[in-house]
N, C-alpha and C. Protein backbone atom coordinates (compact mmCIF):
# COMPACT_ATOMS: atom_id res chain seq x y z
N MET A 1 19.61 33.95 -63.45
CA MET A 1 18.73 33.07 -62.67
C MET A 1 18.15 33.85 -61.51
N GLU A 2 16.86 33.70 -61.30
CA GLU A 2 16.21 34.43 -60.23
C GLU A 2 16.65 33.90 -58.88
N GLN A 3 17.05 34.79 -58.01
CA GLN A 3 17.48 34.37 -56.68
C GLN A 3 16.28 33.95 -55.86
N SER A 4 16.47 32.89 -55.06
CA SER A 4 15.39 32.43 -54.19
C SER A 4 15.15 33.47 -53.11
N ARG A 5 13.88 33.68 -52.82
CA ARG A 5 13.53 34.68 -51.82
C ARG A 5 13.53 34.07 -50.43
N ILE A 6 13.90 34.88 -49.46
CA ILE A 6 13.88 34.45 -48.07
C ILE A 6 12.56 34.88 -47.47
N GLN A 7 11.79 33.90 -47.04
CA GLN A 7 10.49 34.19 -46.47
C GLN A 7 10.64 34.91 -45.15
N SER A 8 9.67 35.72 -44.83
CA SER A 8 9.71 36.43 -43.55
C SER A 8 8.32 36.44 -42.94
N VAL A 9 8.30 36.59 -41.63
CA VAL A 9 7.06 36.71 -40.89
C VAL A 9 7.06 38.08 -40.24
N GLU A 10 6.04 38.86 -40.51
CA GLU A 10 6.01 40.21 -39.99
C GLU A 10 4.97 40.35 -38.88
N THR A 11 5.37 41.00 -37.83
CA THR A 11 4.46 41.40 -36.77
C THR A 11 4.73 42.87 -36.51
N PRO A 12 3.82 43.58 -35.89
CA PRO A 12 4.04 45.01 -35.65
C PRO A 12 5.37 45.27 -34.95
N GLY A 13 6.25 46.00 -35.64
CA GLY A 13 7.53 46.36 -35.06
C GLY A 13 8.57 45.26 -35.08
N LEU A 14 8.26 44.11 -35.73
CA LEU A 14 9.20 42.99 -35.70
C LEU A 14 9.14 42.24 -37.02
N GLN A 15 10.28 41.94 -37.59
CA GLN A 15 10.35 41.12 -38.79
C GLN A 15 11.37 40.02 -38.56
N ILE A 16 10.95 38.76 -38.70
CA ILE A 16 11.82 37.61 -38.49
C ILE A 16 11.96 36.88 -39.81
N THR A 17 13.16 36.75 -40.33
CA THR A 17 13.40 36.05 -41.58
C THR A 17 13.85 34.63 -41.31
N PHE A 18 13.77 33.81 -42.36
CA PHE A 18 14.24 32.44 -42.25
C PHE A 18 15.72 32.41 -41.92
N ARG A 19 16.47 33.38 -42.47
CA ARG A 19 17.90 33.45 -42.17
C ARG A 19 18.13 33.69 -40.68
N ASP A 20 17.25 34.53 -40.06
CA ASP A 20 17.37 34.78 -38.63
C ASP A 20 17.18 33.50 -37.83
N VAL A 21 16.26 32.64 -38.29
CA VAL A 21 15.97 31.41 -37.57
C VAL A 21 17.14 30.46 -37.64
N ILE A 22 17.66 30.21 -38.86
CA ILE A 22 18.74 29.23 -38.98
C ILE A 22 20.03 29.74 -38.38
N SER A 23 20.15 31.09 -38.24
CA SER A 23 21.39 31.63 -37.67
C SER A 23 21.53 31.28 -36.20
N GLN A 24 20.44 30.80 -35.59
CA GLN A 24 20.50 30.45 -34.18
C GLN A 24 20.91 28.99 -33.97
N GLY A 25 21.10 28.23 -35.06
CA GLY A 25 21.46 26.83 -34.94
C GLY A 25 22.88 26.64 -34.46
N PRO A 26 23.21 25.43 -33.98
CA PRO A 26 24.55 25.19 -33.45
C PRO A 26 25.66 25.35 -34.49
N ARG A 27 25.37 25.01 -35.75
CA ARG A 27 26.41 25.15 -36.78
C ARG A 27 26.76 26.61 -36.99
N GLU A 28 25.73 27.46 -37.07
CA GLU A 28 25.97 28.88 -37.25
C GLU A 28 26.61 29.49 -36.01
N LYS A 29 26.20 29.00 -34.84
CA LYS A 29 26.81 29.48 -33.59
C LYS A 29 28.28 29.11 -33.54
N LEU A 30 28.62 27.92 -34.05
CA LEU A 30 30.01 27.49 -34.09
C LEU A 30 30.83 28.41 -34.98
N PHE A 31 30.25 28.83 -36.11
CA PHE A 31 30.97 29.72 -37.02
C PHE A 31 31.18 31.10 -36.41
N ARG A 32 30.20 31.55 -35.61
CA ARG A 32 30.29 32.88 -35.02
C ARG A 32 31.16 32.91 -33.77
N CYS A 33 31.15 31.80 -33.03
CA CYS A 33 31.84 31.77 -31.73
C CYS A 33 32.86 30.64 -31.71
N SER A 34 33.34 30.35 -30.53
CA SER A 34 34.24 29.22 -30.33
C SER A 34 33.41 27.98 -30.01
N VAL A 35 33.97 26.81 -30.31
CA VAL A 35 33.26 25.56 -30.02
C VAL A 35 33.02 25.41 -28.52
N THR A 36 33.84 26.06 -27.71
CA THR A 36 33.66 25.97 -26.26
C THR A 36 32.39 26.68 -25.80
N GLN A 37 31.80 27.52 -26.65
CA GLN A 37 30.59 28.26 -26.28
C GLN A 37 29.33 27.45 -26.52
N LEU A 38 29.45 26.29 -27.18
CA LEU A 38 28.28 25.46 -27.45
C LEU A 38 27.95 24.58 -26.25
N SER A 39 26.67 24.40 -26.01
CA SER A 39 26.24 23.51 -24.93
C SER A 39 26.42 22.06 -25.38
N ASP A 40 26.28 21.13 -24.44
CA ASP A 40 26.39 19.72 -24.79
C ASP A 40 25.32 19.31 -25.80
N VAL A 41 24.11 19.84 -25.62
CA VAL A 41 23.03 19.54 -26.57
C VAL A 41 23.40 20.01 -27.97
N GLU A 42 23.93 21.21 -28.07
CA GLU A 42 24.30 21.75 -29.38
C GLU A 42 25.44 20.96 -30.01
N LEU A 43 26.39 20.50 -29.21
CA LEU A 43 27.48 19.69 -29.75
C LEU A 43 26.95 18.38 -30.32
N TRP A 44 26.04 17.73 -29.60
CA TRP A 44 25.48 16.48 -30.11
C TRP A 44 24.58 16.72 -31.31
N MET A 45 23.94 17.87 -31.39
CA MET A 45 23.17 18.21 -32.59
C MET A 45 24.08 18.29 -33.81
N LEU A 46 25.27 18.88 -33.63
CA LEU A 46 26.23 18.95 -34.72
C LEU A 46 26.68 17.55 -35.15
N ILE A 47 26.92 16.69 -34.17
CA ILE A 47 27.41 15.35 -34.46
C ILE A 47 26.34 14.50 -35.14
N LEU A 48 25.11 14.55 -34.61
CA LEU A 48 24.03 13.73 -35.16
C LEU A 48 23.59 14.21 -36.55
N GLY A 49 23.63 15.51 -36.77
CA GLY A 49 23.38 16.03 -38.10
C GLY A 49 21.93 16.33 -38.44
N ARG A 50 21.04 15.39 -38.20
CA ARG A 50 19.63 15.60 -38.52
C ARG A 50 18.76 14.73 -37.63
N GLY A 51 17.50 15.12 -37.53
CA GLY A 51 16.56 14.37 -36.71
C GLY A 51 15.93 13.22 -37.47
N SER A 52 14.88 12.67 -36.88
CA SER A 52 14.15 11.57 -37.52
C SER A 52 12.76 12.05 -37.89
N LYS A 53 11.95 11.16 -38.45
CA LYS A 53 10.60 11.54 -38.86
C LYS A 53 9.74 11.94 -37.67
N SER A 54 9.98 11.32 -36.52
CA SER A 54 9.13 11.59 -35.36
C SER A 54 9.80 12.44 -34.29
N HIS A 55 11.11 12.67 -34.40
CA HIS A 55 11.82 13.44 -33.38
C HIS A 55 12.70 14.50 -34.04
N SER A 56 12.66 15.70 -33.48
CA SER A 56 13.53 16.76 -33.97
C SER A 56 14.97 16.46 -33.59
N LEU A 57 15.89 17.12 -34.26
CA LEU A 57 17.31 16.94 -33.96
C LEU A 57 17.60 17.31 -32.51
N GLN A 58 17.01 18.39 -32.04
CA GLN A 58 17.24 18.82 -30.66
C GLN A 58 16.71 17.80 -29.66
N ALA A 59 15.52 17.24 -29.94
CA ALA A 59 14.94 16.24 -29.04
C ALA A 59 15.82 14.99 -28.99
N MET A 60 16.35 14.58 -30.14
CA MET A 60 17.24 13.42 -30.18
C MET A 60 18.50 13.68 -29.36
N ALA A 61 19.07 14.88 -29.52
CA ALA A 61 20.29 15.22 -28.79
C ALA A 61 20.04 15.24 -27.29
N ARG A 62 18.90 15.76 -26.87
CA ARG A 62 18.58 15.81 -25.43
C ARG A 62 18.39 14.40 -24.87
N THR A 63 17.72 13.54 -25.63
CA THR A 63 17.50 12.17 -25.18
C THR A 63 18.82 11.43 -25.05
N LEU A 64 19.70 11.62 -26.02
CA LEU A 64 21.02 11.00 -25.96
C LEU A 64 21.81 11.51 -24.76
N LEU A 65 21.73 12.81 -24.51
CA LEU A 65 22.46 13.40 -23.39
C LEU A 65 21.95 12.87 -22.05
N GLU A 66 20.64 12.67 -21.94
CA GLU A 66 20.08 12.11 -20.71
C GLU A 66 20.63 10.70 -20.46
N LEU A 67 20.75 9.92 -21.53
CA LEU A 67 21.32 8.58 -21.39
C LEU A 67 22.77 8.66 -20.95
N LEU A 68 23.54 9.56 -21.56
CA LEU A 68 24.96 9.67 -21.23
C LEU A 68 25.19 10.20 -19.82
N ASP A 69 24.28 11.06 -19.35
CA ASP A 69 24.40 11.53 -17.97
C ASP A 69 24.20 10.38 -16.98
N ALA A 70 23.25 9.51 -17.30
CA ALA A 70 22.96 8.38 -16.41
C ALA A 70 23.98 7.26 -16.57
N ASN A 71 24.50 7.09 -17.78
CA ASN A 71 25.46 6.03 -18.07
C ASN A 71 26.49 6.55 -19.06
N PRO A 72 27.64 7.02 -18.58
CA PRO A 72 28.64 7.64 -19.46
C PRO A 72 29.22 6.70 -20.51
N GLU A 73 29.05 5.39 -20.34
CA GLU A 73 29.60 4.43 -21.29
C GLU A 73 28.52 3.45 -21.74
N PRO A 74 27.51 3.92 -22.45
CA PRO A 74 26.43 3.03 -22.89
C PRO A 74 26.90 2.06 -23.97
N GLY A 75 26.33 0.88 -23.95
CA GLY A 75 26.63 -0.09 -24.99
C GLY A 75 25.80 0.19 -26.23
N GLN A 76 26.11 -0.53 -27.30
CA GLN A 76 25.39 -0.31 -28.55
C GLN A 76 23.90 -0.62 -28.40
N LYS A 77 23.58 -1.63 -27.61
CA LYS A 77 22.17 -1.99 -27.42
C LYS A 77 21.39 -0.84 -26.81
N GLN A 78 21.97 -0.17 -25.81
CA GLN A 78 21.28 0.96 -25.18
C GLN A 78 21.12 2.13 -26.15
N LEU A 79 22.14 2.37 -26.96
CA LEU A 79 22.06 3.46 -27.93
C LEU A 79 20.99 3.19 -28.98
N LEU A 80 20.89 1.94 -29.41
CA LEU A 80 19.92 1.60 -30.45
C LEU A 80 18.49 1.68 -29.97
N GLU A 81 18.29 1.71 -28.66
CA GLU A 81 16.94 1.85 -28.12
C GLU A 81 16.42 3.27 -28.22
N LEU A 82 17.31 4.23 -28.51
CA LEU A 82 16.91 5.63 -28.65
C LEU A 82 16.32 5.87 -30.03
N GLU A 83 15.30 6.71 -30.08
CA GLU A 83 14.65 7.05 -31.34
C GLU A 83 15.64 7.73 -32.29
N GLY A 84 15.73 7.21 -33.51
CA GLY A 84 16.57 7.83 -34.53
C GLY A 84 18.02 7.39 -34.52
N ILE A 85 18.41 6.55 -33.55
CA ILE A 85 19.80 6.08 -33.49
C ILE A 85 19.87 4.69 -34.12
N HIS A 86 20.45 4.62 -35.30
CA HIS A 86 20.61 3.34 -35.99
C HIS A 86 22.04 2.83 -35.76
N THR A 87 22.36 1.71 -36.37
CA THR A 87 23.65 1.06 -36.11
C THR A 87 24.84 1.96 -36.44
N VAL A 88 24.77 2.64 -37.57
CA VAL A 88 25.88 3.51 -37.97
C VAL A 88 26.05 4.66 -36.98
N ARG A 89 24.94 5.28 -36.60
CA ARG A 89 25.02 6.38 -35.64
C ARG A 89 25.53 5.91 -34.28
N ALA A 90 25.06 4.75 -33.84
CA ALA A 90 25.51 4.22 -32.56
C ALA A 90 27.02 3.99 -32.57
N GLY A 91 27.52 3.42 -33.66
CA GLY A 91 28.95 3.20 -33.78
C GLY A 91 29.73 4.50 -33.81
N MET A 92 29.19 5.51 -34.49
CA MET A 92 29.85 6.81 -34.56
C MET A 92 29.92 7.45 -33.18
N ILE A 93 28.82 7.37 -32.42
CA ILE A 93 28.79 7.94 -31.07
C ILE A 93 29.83 7.27 -30.19
N GLN A 94 29.90 5.95 -30.24
CA GLN A 94 30.86 5.23 -29.42
C GLN A 94 32.30 5.56 -29.82
N ALA A 95 32.54 5.71 -31.12
CA ALA A 95 33.89 6.04 -31.60
C ALA A 95 34.32 7.43 -31.14
N ILE A 96 33.41 8.40 -31.25
CA ILE A 96 33.71 9.77 -30.82
C ILE A 96 34.02 9.81 -29.33
N MET A 97 33.22 9.11 -28.55
CA MET A 97 33.43 9.11 -27.10
C MET A 97 34.74 8.43 -26.73
N GLU A 98 35.10 7.39 -27.44
CA GLU A 98 36.35 6.68 -27.14
C GLU A 98 37.56 7.53 -27.49
N VAL A 99 37.50 8.25 -28.62
CA VAL A 99 38.60 9.14 -28.98
C VAL A 99 38.77 10.22 -27.91
N GLY A 100 37.64 10.80 -27.47
CA GLY A 100 37.72 11.82 -26.43
C GLY A 100 38.28 11.27 -25.13
N ARG A 101 37.86 10.06 -24.77
CA ARG A 101 38.34 9.46 -23.53
C ARG A 101 39.84 9.22 -23.58
N ARG A 102 40.32 8.73 -24.72
CA ARG A 102 41.74 8.41 -24.83
C ARG A 102 42.63 9.64 -24.85
N ARG A 103 42.16 10.70 -25.48
CA ARG A 103 43.04 11.85 -25.70
C ARG A 103 42.88 12.96 -24.68
N TYR A 104 41.67 13.14 -24.14
CA TYR A 104 41.44 14.37 -23.40
C TYR A 104 40.97 14.20 -21.96
N SER A 105 40.68 13.00 -21.51
CA SER A 105 40.23 12.85 -20.13
C SER A 105 41.21 12.02 -19.33
N PHE A 106 41.39 10.78 -19.72
CA PHE A 106 42.26 9.89 -18.97
C PHE A 106 43.68 10.47 -18.93
N GLY A 107 44.22 10.56 -17.73
CA GLY A 107 45.58 11.04 -17.58
C GLY A 107 45.71 12.54 -17.42
N SER A 108 44.59 13.28 -17.44
CA SER A 108 44.68 14.73 -17.24
C SER A 108 45.17 15.03 -15.83
N PRO A 109 46.13 15.94 -15.67
CA PRO A 109 46.63 16.25 -14.32
C PRO A 109 45.58 16.96 -13.49
N ILE A 110 45.46 16.56 -12.23
CA ILE A 110 44.55 17.21 -11.29
C ILE A 110 45.40 17.82 -10.18
N GLU A 111 45.84 19.04 -10.40
CA GLU A 111 46.70 19.71 -9.42
C GLU A 111 45.89 20.55 -8.44
N GLY A 112 44.62 20.73 -8.73
CA GLY A 112 43.77 21.52 -7.85
C GLY A 112 42.35 21.56 -8.39
N PRO A 113 41.45 22.23 -7.68
CA PRO A 113 40.05 22.28 -8.11
C PRO A 113 39.84 22.92 -9.48
N ALA A 114 40.71 23.85 -9.87
CA ALA A 114 40.56 24.49 -11.17
C ALA A 114 40.73 23.48 -12.31
N ASP A 115 41.65 22.53 -12.14
CA ASP A 115 41.83 21.49 -13.16
C ASP A 115 40.60 20.59 -13.24
N ALA A 116 40.06 20.25 -12.08
CA ALA A 116 38.87 19.41 -12.06
C ALA A 116 37.69 20.13 -12.70
N PHE A 117 37.58 21.42 -12.45
CA PHE A 117 36.47 22.20 -13.00
C PHE A 117 36.47 22.17 -14.53
N GLN A 118 37.63 22.21 -15.15
CA GLN A 118 37.70 22.18 -16.61
C GLN A 118 37.17 20.86 -17.17
N ILE A 119 37.25 19.80 -16.38
CA ILE A 119 36.78 18.49 -16.83
C ILE A 119 35.27 18.36 -16.67
N ILE A 120 34.71 19.02 -15.66
CA ILE A 120 33.29 18.82 -15.34
C ILE A 120 32.40 20.00 -15.70
N ARG A 121 32.96 21.10 -16.15
CA ARG A 121 32.18 22.32 -16.33
C ARG A 121 31.04 22.16 -17.34
N HIS A 122 31.17 21.21 -18.28
CA HIS A 122 30.11 21.01 -19.27
C HIS A 122 28.82 20.51 -18.63
N LEU A 123 28.91 20.03 -17.38
CA LEU A 123 27.72 19.56 -16.67
C LEU A 123 27.06 20.68 -15.86
N GLY A 124 27.65 21.86 -15.91
CA GLY A 124 27.15 22.96 -15.09
C GLY A 124 25.80 23.50 -15.51
N ASP A 125 25.37 23.22 -16.75
CA ASP A 125 24.08 23.75 -17.20
C ASP A 125 22.93 22.77 -17.02
N ARG A 126 23.18 21.65 -16.33
CA ARG A 126 22.12 20.67 -16.12
C ARG A 126 21.05 21.21 -15.18
N LYS A 127 19.80 20.83 -15.43
CA LYS A 127 18.68 21.32 -14.64
C LYS A 127 18.55 20.57 -13.31
N GLN A 128 19.16 19.40 -13.21
CA GLN A 128 19.18 18.64 -11.97
C GLN A 128 20.60 18.60 -11.42
N GLU A 129 20.70 18.41 -10.11
CA GLU A 129 22.01 18.32 -9.50
C GLU A 129 22.65 16.97 -9.82
N HIS A 130 23.90 17.03 -10.24
CA HIS A 130 24.70 15.83 -10.53
C HIS A 130 25.81 15.76 -9.50
N PHE A 131 25.89 14.65 -8.78
CA PHE A 131 26.98 14.46 -7.83
C PHE A 131 28.02 13.58 -8.51
N LEU A 132 29.25 14.07 -8.57
CA LEU A 132 30.31 13.45 -9.36
C LEU A 132 31.49 13.04 -8.49
N CYS A 133 32.19 12.03 -8.95
CA CYS A 133 33.42 11.59 -8.29
C CYS A 133 34.51 11.45 -9.34
N LEU A 134 35.60 12.17 -9.17
CA LEU A 134 36.76 12.05 -10.04
C LEU A 134 37.80 11.22 -9.32
N THR A 135 38.15 10.08 -9.88
CA THR A 135 39.17 9.24 -9.26
C THR A 135 40.54 9.65 -9.79
N VAL A 136 41.52 9.66 -8.89
CA VAL A 136 42.86 10.18 -9.21
C VAL A 136 43.90 9.13 -8.83
N ASN A 137 44.91 8.95 -9.68
CA ASN A 137 45.96 7.97 -9.38
C ASN A 137 47.06 8.58 -8.53
N GLY A 138 48.07 7.78 -8.21
CA GLY A 138 49.14 8.23 -7.33
C GLY A 138 49.97 9.36 -7.90
N ALA A 139 49.97 9.50 -9.22
CA ALA A 139 50.73 10.57 -9.87
C ALA A 139 49.93 11.86 -9.97
N GLY A 140 48.69 11.85 -9.45
CA GLY A 140 47.86 13.04 -9.49
C GLY A 140 47.16 13.26 -10.82
N HIS A 141 46.94 12.18 -11.57
CA HIS A 141 46.26 12.27 -12.86
C HIS A 141 44.88 11.63 -12.78
N LEU A 142 43.96 12.17 -13.56
CA LEU A 142 42.60 11.65 -13.59
C LEU A 142 42.57 10.21 -14.11
N ILE A 143 41.84 9.36 -13.39
CA ILE A 143 41.58 8.02 -13.88
C ILE A 143 40.25 8.00 -14.63
N LYS A 144 39.20 8.50 -13.95
CA LYS A 144 37.88 8.45 -14.57
C LYS A 144 36.93 9.40 -13.84
N LEU A 145 35.94 9.88 -14.59
CA LEU A 145 34.86 10.70 -14.02
C LEU A 145 33.63 9.82 -13.87
N HIS A 146 33.08 9.77 -12.66
CA HIS A 146 31.90 8.94 -12.38
C HIS A 146 30.74 9.82 -11.94
N THR A 147 29.55 9.51 -12.43
CA THR A 147 28.32 10.15 -11.95
C THR A 147 27.73 9.27 -10.86
N ILE A 148 27.63 9.79 -9.65
CA ILE A 148 27.13 9.00 -8.51
C ILE A 148 25.62 9.07 -8.42
N THR A 149 25.06 10.27 -8.46
CA THR A 149 23.60 10.43 -8.43
C THR A 149 23.20 11.58 -9.34
N ILE A 150 21.95 11.54 -9.78
CA ILE A 150 21.34 12.64 -10.52
C ILE A 150 20.04 12.98 -9.81
N GLY A 151 19.90 14.22 -9.41
CA GLY A 151 18.72 14.62 -8.66
C GLY A 151 19.12 15.45 -7.46
N LEU A 152 18.26 15.52 -6.48
CA LEU A 152 18.53 16.32 -5.29
C LEU A 152 19.68 15.72 -4.49
N VAL A 153 20.69 16.54 -4.22
CA VAL A 153 21.83 16.09 -3.42
C VAL A 153 21.51 16.28 -1.95
N ASN A 154 21.47 15.18 -1.20
CA ASN A 154 21.31 15.29 0.24
C ASN A 154 22.02 14.11 0.90
N ARG A 155 22.06 14.14 2.20
CA ARG A 155 22.83 13.14 2.93
C ARG A 155 22.27 11.73 2.76
N THR A 156 20.96 11.62 2.54
CA THR A 156 20.37 10.29 2.42
C THR A 156 20.74 9.64 1.09
N LEU A 157 20.99 10.46 0.06
CA LEU A 157 21.32 9.92 -1.25
C LEU A 157 22.83 9.72 -1.43
N ILE A 158 23.63 10.58 -0.80
CA ILE A 158 25.08 10.50 -0.97
C ILE A 158 25.66 9.68 0.17
N HIS A 159 25.84 8.41 -0.08
CA HIS A 159 26.41 7.52 0.93
C HIS A 159 27.87 7.24 0.55
N PRO A 160 28.78 7.24 1.52
CA PRO A 160 30.19 6.96 1.21
C PRO A 160 30.39 5.68 0.42
N ARG A 161 29.56 4.69 0.66
CA ARG A 161 29.69 3.42 -0.06
C ARG A 161 29.58 3.63 -1.57
N GLU A 162 28.60 4.46 -1.98
CA GLU A 162 28.38 4.70 -3.40
C GLU A 162 29.50 5.55 -4.00
N VAL A 163 30.04 6.45 -3.21
CA VAL A 163 31.10 7.34 -3.71
C VAL A 163 32.42 6.61 -3.85
N PHE A 164 32.75 5.76 -2.86
CA PHE A 164 34.06 5.12 -2.86
C PHE A 164 34.10 3.80 -3.64
N ALA A 165 32.94 3.27 -4.03
CA ALA A 165 32.92 2.04 -4.82
C ALA A 165 33.71 2.18 -6.12
N PRO A 166 33.47 3.24 -6.92
CA PRO A 166 34.28 3.39 -8.14
C PRO A 166 35.75 3.67 -7.86
N ALA A 167 36.04 4.31 -6.72
CA ALA A 167 37.44 4.57 -6.36
C ALA A 167 38.17 3.26 -6.11
N LEU A 168 37.49 2.32 -5.46
CA LEU A 168 38.10 1.01 -5.22
C LEU A 168 38.27 0.25 -6.53
N ASP A 169 37.25 0.32 -7.40
CA ASP A 169 37.35 -0.36 -8.70
C ASP A 169 38.50 0.20 -9.53
N ASP A 170 38.71 1.52 -9.45
CA ASP A 170 39.76 2.18 -10.23
C ASP A 170 41.13 2.10 -9.56
N ARG A 171 41.16 1.54 -8.34
CA ARG A 171 42.40 1.53 -7.54
C ARG A 171 42.97 2.95 -7.39
N ALA A 172 42.08 3.86 -7.07
CA ALA A 172 42.45 5.28 -6.96
C ALA A 172 43.25 5.54 -5.69
N ALA A 173 44.16 6.49 -5.78
CA ALA A 173 44.93 6.93 -4.62
C ALA A 173 44.17 8.00 -3.85
N SER A 174 43.31 8.74 -4.55
CA SER A 174 42.51 9.79 -3.93
C SER A 174 41.32 10.09 -4.83
N ILE A 175 40.40 10.89 -4.32
CA ILE A 175 39.24 11.29 -5.13
C ILE A 175 38.98 12.78 -4.94
N LEU A 176 38.25 13.33 -5.87
CA LEU A 176 37.73 14.68 -5.76
C LEU A 176 36.26 14.61 -6.12
N VAL A 177 35.39 15.18 -5.29
CA VAL A 177 33.95 15.12 -5.55
C VAL A 177 33.44 16.50 -5.91
N ALA A 178 32.31 16.53 -6.60
CA ALA A 178 31.75 17.80 -7.05
C ALA A 178 30.26 17.63 -7.31
N HIS A 179 29.53 18.73 -7.21
CA HIS A 179 28.15 18.72 -7.66
C HIS A 179 27.77 20.12 -8.15
N ASN A 180 26.89 20.15 -9.13
CA ASN A 180 26.46 21.43 -9.69
C ASN A 180 25.28 22.00 -8.92
N HIS A 181 25.17 23.31 -8.93
CA HIS A 181 24.02 24.01 -8.37
C HIS A 181 23.26 24.64 -9.53
N PRO A 182 22.15 24.05 -9.96
CA PRO A 182 21.40 24.60 -11.10
C PRO A 182 20.97 26.06 -10.91
N SER A 183 20.81 26.48 -9.66
CA SER A 183 20.39 27.86 -9.39
C SER A 183 21.48 28.87 -9.73
N GLY A 184 22.73 28.40 -9.83
CA GLY A 184 23.84 29.31 -10.07
C GLY A 184 24.45 29.86 -8.80
N ASN A 185 23.82 29.62 -7.66
CA ASN A 185 24.34 30.07 -6.37
C ASN A 185 25.43 29.10 -5.91
N LEU A 186 26.63 29.60 -5.78
CA LEU A 186 27.77 28.73 -5.45
C LEU A 186 28.07 28.66 -3.96
N VAL A 187 27.25 29.27 -3.14
CA VAL A 187 27.49 29.21 -1.70
C VAL A 187 27.13 27.82 -1.19
N PRO A 188 28.09 27.08 -0.61
CA PRO A 188 27.80 25.73 -0.12
C PRO A 188 26.78 25.77 1.02
N SER A 189 25.84 24.85 0.98
CA SER A 189 24.85 24.76 2.04
C SER A 189 25.44 24.02 3.24
N GLN A 190 24.73 24.06 4.35
CA GLN A 190 25.17 23.30 5.52
C GLN A 190 25.21 21.81 5.21
N GLU A 191 24.25 21.36 4.42
CA GLU A 191 24.22 19.95 4.03
C GLU A 191 25.42 19.59 3.15
N ASP A 192 25.83 20.51 2.27
CA ASP A 192 27.03 20.29 1.45
C ASP A 192 28.25 20.07 2.35
N ARG A 193 28.36 20.87 3.39
CA ARG A 193 29.51 20.77 4.29
C ARG A 193 29.46 19.47 5.10
N GLU A 194 28.25 19.06 5.48
CA GLU A 194 28.11 17.81 6.24
C GLU A 194 28.45 16.60 5.37
N ILE A 195 28.03 16.64 4.11
CA ILE A 195 28.38 15.56 3.19
C ILE A 195 29.90 15.49 3.02
N THR A 196 30.52 16.66 2.88
CA THR A 196 31.98 16.71 2.71
C THR A 196 32.70 16.10 3.90
N GLU A 197 32.27 16.48 5.10
CA GLU A 197 32.91 15.95 6.32
C GLU A 197 32.73 14.44 6.42
N ARG A 198 31.54 13.97 6.07
CA ARG A 198 31.27 12.53 6.13
C ARG A 198 32.16 11.76 5.15
N LEU A 199 32.32 12.30 3.95
CA LEU A 199 33.17 11.64 2.95
C LEU A 199 34.65 11.72 3.35
N GLN A 200 35.05 12.83 3.93
CA GLN A 200 36.44 12.95 4.40
C GLN A 200 36.75 11.89 5.45
N ASN A 201 35.85 11.72 6.40
CA ASN A 201 36.06 10.73 7.46
C ASN A 201 36.16 9.33 6.88
N ALA A 202 35.28 9.01 5.92
CA ALA A 202 35.31 7.69 5.29
C ALA A 202 36.60 7.51 4.51
N GLY A 203 37.03 8.56 3.81
CA GLY A 203 38.25 8.48 3.02
C GLY A 203 39.48 8.27 3.89
N ASP A 204 39.51 8.92 5.04
CA ASP A 204 40.64 8.76 5.96
C ASP A 204 40.73 7.31 6.46
N LEU A 205 39.57 6.72 6.74
CA LEU A 205 39.56 5.33 7.21
C LEU A 205 40.01 4.36 6.12
N MET A 206 39.68 4.67 4.87
CA MET A 206 39.98 3.77 3.76
C MET A 206 41.35 4.04 3.14
N GLY A 207 41.97 5.13 3.52
CA GLY A 207 43.25 5.49 2.92
C GLY A 207 43.10 6.07 1.52
N ILE A 208 41.92 6.62 1.22
CA ILE A 208 41.66 7.27 -0.07
C ILE A 208 41.17 8.69 0.24
N PRO A 209 42.07 9.63 0.42
CA PRO A 209 41.66 10.97 0.85
C PRO A 209 40.80 11.70 -0.18
N VAL A 210 39.91 12.54 0.35
CA VAL A 210 39.09 13.42 -0.50
C VAL A 210 39.87 14.72 -0.68
N LEU A 211 40.30 14.99 -1.90
CA LEU A 211 41.13 16.17 -2.16
C LEU A 211 40.33 17.47 -2.06
N ASP A 212 39.08 17.41 -2.50
CA ASP A 212 38.26 18.62 -2.46
C ASP A 212 36.82 18.25 -2.79
N HIS A 213 35.93 19.17 -2.49
CA HIS A 213 34.52 19.07 -2.89
C HIS A 213 34.19 20.40 -3.55
N ILE A 214 33.79 20.34 -4.81
CA ILE A 214 33.55 21.54 -5.61
C ILE A 214 32.05 21.72 -5.84
N VAL A 215 31.58 22.94 -5.65
CA VAL A 215 30.23 23.34 -6.06
C VAL A 215 30.42 24.19 -7.32
N PHE A 216 29.67 23.89 -8.38
CA PHE A 216 29.96 24.58 -9.64
C PHE A 216 28.71 24.79 -10.49
N HIS A 217 28.82 25.73 -11.43
CA HIS A 217 27.91 25.81 -12.56
C HIS A 217 28.78 26.00 -13.80
N SER A 218 28.20 26.32 -14.93
CA SER A 218 28.95 26.26 -16.18
C SER A 218 30.06 27.29 -16.30
N SER A 219 30.02 28.36 -15.52
CA SER A 219 31.02 29.41 -15.70
C SER A 219 31.93 29.63 -14.49
N ASP A 220 31.65 28.98 -13.37
CA ASP A 220 32.47 29.23 -12.19
C ASP A 220 32.32 28.08 -11.20
N PHE A 221 33.16 28.08 -10.17
CA PHE A 221 33.10 27.04 -9.15
C PHE A 221 33.54 27.60 -7.82
N ARG A 222 33.27 26.82 -6.78
CA ARG A 222 33.73 27.20 -5.43
C ARG A 222 34.16 25.94 -4.70
N SER A 223 35.31 26.01 -4.07
CA SER A 223 35.84 24.88 -3.32
C SER A 223 35.34 24.93 -1.88
N ILE A 224 34.90 23.77 -1.38
CA ILE A 224 34.42 23.70 0.00
C ILE A 224 35.58 23.50 0.97
N LEU A 225 36.61 22.79 0.55
CA LEU A 225 37.76 22.54 1.43
C LEU A 225 38.82 23.62 1.29
């Protein structure tokens, strides 16, 4: 039987084959590397499997990720509003997220900023700054990860009321806050330090201490406290 030929596109000094193109996909990257090397978009591309008639697989994964960044626990109605997400896919997404929540997030020990970084590092590649609050119980274990704001982090947007509201709902004994620096520069700004001091003062008054404030990107972090 004649073997199927692999098409190629030639330009002066460069030849790109179809195999070269597909080798860059998340499935092939997973085979070559560890699953930890895949971005959030690539992981959701693997889970979703294929795109729709009007949206590529990558576009669908990015749209889903934007929803999850804004609302980590979307309902089925919100998922079904996304292009290409039907009832079966929505149920699969919710099931996968629930399994992950039960086994790998809730109850994780938070003994220091390094433990917190392992929980939030997947957000380090975001193009916008995400301000996060990790609520911690009396035994020093994670209760929940909350996204407080998405966008420019400054004192006018980060109000103690918004940060401590989920801590009160979770009956947290303490919190740890963090935000990513899309630039990759981990040096805390003066505004970062002022936000930290403001949250510390509020936490002391409420009896919910701020354990740390982390500045991070996908490969490293820096503690402000």
